[in-house]
Each structure stands twice: as C-alpha cells, then as structure tokens.
C-alpha cells in the first residue's frame, strides 16, 4: 500500500486530507510539525510527502531541504495557502507545488501522477 505523509500544523486540514486520501486507498500518516515529519521519515519512508510551507518552528522549506539531503527519491508536494512561494527558488526542488483548496482533486491527481511509473 502506498504511504502518504501529510505535514501540516492545521489539525482540521490534517483530518480532511487523511480522510480524503484514505478513501483513495492510501495509507496516511499525519504530523503537525516539520520536526515530527523528519522523525517520521526516519522511522518509515513514505512514498509521497504532502508538506505545508508556513509552520511554526521548522518551516516547510527547511524540511524540504532536509528531506532532499536525507533521500532525494522521496517525492514532495508543497501544499500551501500562499501562491507567492512558487517563485521562491528554494521551492524548486519539490516535485509539485499546489495552492491549498477545499477541493482536493488537484492534490489527489498530483499524487497519482507522481506514483505512476515513468
């Protein structure tokens, strides 16, 4: 089963993403912080990480950098409410960039595309 790690400091979004992605057939783990994400990745490698950018403490861009240093093969979807980060050079190492929406179809489609064999 495909493992998706959702990293977001908003509990209601973690619950929504978990519910929606479970319905898609994924195994979903959620964590509220960047530090928790890094610990989770060390314990069990996810197939995809959905990562918020603006979080207290360790922000998503720092976490992205650390994930890339740990294992470049883990696909990362930056998922943020701020479209302005898209032009930030530090976001370019992510595999995808999605602006948060109540409609999760773009996120679901992006995850599916990332998991398709090349």
Protein backbone atom coordinates (compact mmCIF):
# COMPACT_ATOMS: atom_id res chain seq x y z
CA UNK A 1 0.00 0.00 0.00
CA UNK A 2 1.23 3.49 -0.89
CA UNK A 3 2.25 5.55 2.15
CA UNK A 4 1.49 9.27 2.20
CA UNK A 5 2.86 11.55 4.92
CA UNK A 6 0.85 14.75 5.44
CA UNK A 7 2.68 17.54 7.28
CA UNK A 8 0.51 20.48 8.32
CA UNK A 9 0.11 22.46 11.54
CA UNK A 10 -3.65 22.80 10.98
CA UNK A 11 -5.39 19.87 12.66
CA UNK A 12 -8.61 20.21 10.65
CA UNK A 13 -6.66 20.07 7.37
CA UNK A 14 -4.73 17.01 8.54
CA UNK A 15 -8.04 15.31 9.33
CA UNK A 16 -9.56 16.29 5.95
CA UNK A 17 -6.51 15.17 3.96
CA UNK A 18 -6.32 11.93 5.91
CA UNK A 19 -9.98 11.13 5.26
CA UNK A 20 -9.82 12.00 1.56
CA UNK A 21 -6.54 10.16 0.92
CA UNK A 22 -7.67 7.09 2.86
CA UNK A 23 -10.71 6.97 0.56
CA UNK A 24 -8.27 6.94 -2.39
CA UNK A 25 -6.71 3.79 -0.93
CA UNK A 26 -3.54 5.28 0.54
CA UNK A 27 -2.03 4.56 3.93
CA UNK A 28 -1.90 8.02 5.53
CA UNK A 29 0.21 9.34 8.38
CA UNK A 30 -0.22 12.90 9.58
CA UNK A 31 2.11 15.03 11.67
CA UNK A 32 1.75 18.62 12.95
CA UNK A 33 5.32 19.88 12.54
CA UNK A 34 8.44 19.79 10.47
CA UNK A 35 10.42 18.12 13.24
CA UNK A 36 7.76 15.39 13.54
CA UNK A 37 7.93 14.92 9.76
CA UNK A 38 11.68 14.31 9.81
CA UNK A 39 11.36 11.83 12.66
CA UNK A 40 8.52 10.04 10.88
CA UNK A 41 10.53 9.79 7.64
CA UNK A 42 13.48 8.27 9.51
CA UNK A 43 11.19 5.65 11.09
CA UNK A 44 9.33 4.68 7.94
CA UNK A 45 9.99 6.02 4.44
CA UNK A 46 6.82 7.43 2.86
CA UNK A 47 6.12 7.10 -0.86
CA UNK A 48 4.97 10.76 -1.01
CA UNK A 49 5.15 13.73 1.37
CA UNK A 50 2.50 16.46 1.31
CA UNK A 51 4.21 19.37 3.03
CA UNK A 52 2.86 22.72 4.24
CA UNK A 53 5.31 25.63 3.98
CA UNK A 54 4.25 28.05 6.72
CA UNK A 55 4.54 26.24 10.05
CA UNK A 56 5.85 27.35 13.43
CA UNK A 57 9.29 26.14 14.32
CA UNK A 58 10.83 24.27 11.41
CA UNK A 59 9.14 25.61 8.27
CA UNK A 60 8.32 23.54 5.22
CA UNK A 61 11.17 24.87 3.08
CA UNK A 62 13.71 23.84 5.72
CA UNK A 63 12.04 20.43 5.96
CA UNK A 64 12.12 20.09 2.16
CA UNK A 65 15.85 20.78 2.18
CA UNK A 66 16.44 18.20 4.92
CA UNK A 67 14.32 15.59 3.12
CA UNK A 68 16.34 16.15 -0.07
CA UNK A 69 19.57 15.70 1.86
CA UNK A 70 18.22 12.53 3.52
CA UNK A 71 16.64 10.87 0.47
CA UNK A 72 16.22 12.66 -2.86
CA UNK A 73 13.95 9.92 -4.17
CA UNK A 74 11.02 10.81 -1.89
CA UNK A 75 8.52 12.86 -3.92
CA UNK A 76 7.42 16.02 -2.11
CA UNK A 77 4.30 18.07 -2.84
CA UNK A 78 4.47 21.56 -1.36
CA UNK A 79 0.93 22.40 -0.29
CA UNK A 80 0.44 25.96 0.86
CA UNK A 81 -2.14 28.71 1.06
CA UNK A 82 0.38 31.16 -0.42
CA UNK A 83 0.96 31.20 -4.17
CA UNK A 84 3.81 33.71 -3.71
CA UNK A 85 6.21 30.95 -2.63
CA UNK A 86 6.03 29.41 -6.11
CA UNK A 87 8.59 31.91 -7.39
CA UNK A 88 10.92 31.27 -4.44
CA UNK A 89 13.98 29.40 -5.70
CA UNK A 90 14.01 27.15 -2.61
CA UNK A 91 10.67 25.58 -3.64
CA UNK A 92 12.02 24.32 -6.96
CA UNK A 93 13.43 21.10 -5.54
CA UNK A 94 9.91 19.95 -4.69
CA UNK A 95 8.21 17.67 -7.21
CA UNK A 96 5.00 19.71 -7.20
CA UNK A 97 3.52 22.91 -5.80
CA UNK A 98 -0.18 23.17 -5.03
CA UNK A 99 -2.13 26.04 -3.52
CA UNK A 100 -4.46 24.78 -0.80
CA UNK A 101 -8.11 24.44 -1.69
CA UNK A 102 -11.20 22.82 -0.22
CA UNK A 103 -11.33 20.80 -3.46
CA UNK A 104 -8.59 18.19 -3.11
CA UNK A 105 -8.85 16.86 -6.67
CA UNK A 106 -5.64 18.64 -7.80
CA UNK A 107 -3.73 17.19 -4.85
CA UNK A 108 -5.11 13.69 -5.47
CA UNK A 109 -4.31 13.90 -9.20
CA UNK A 110 -0.79 15.12 -8.47
CA UNK A 111 -0.12 12.27 -6.04
CA UNK A 112 -1.40 9.73 -8.60
CA UNK A 113 0.84 11.19 -11.30
CA UNK A 114 3.87 11.08 -9.00
CA UNK A 115 3.32 7.41 -8.31
CA UNK A 116 2.91 6.35 -11.94
CA UNK A 117 5.92 4.52 -13.35
CA UNK A 118 7.97 6.68 -15.70
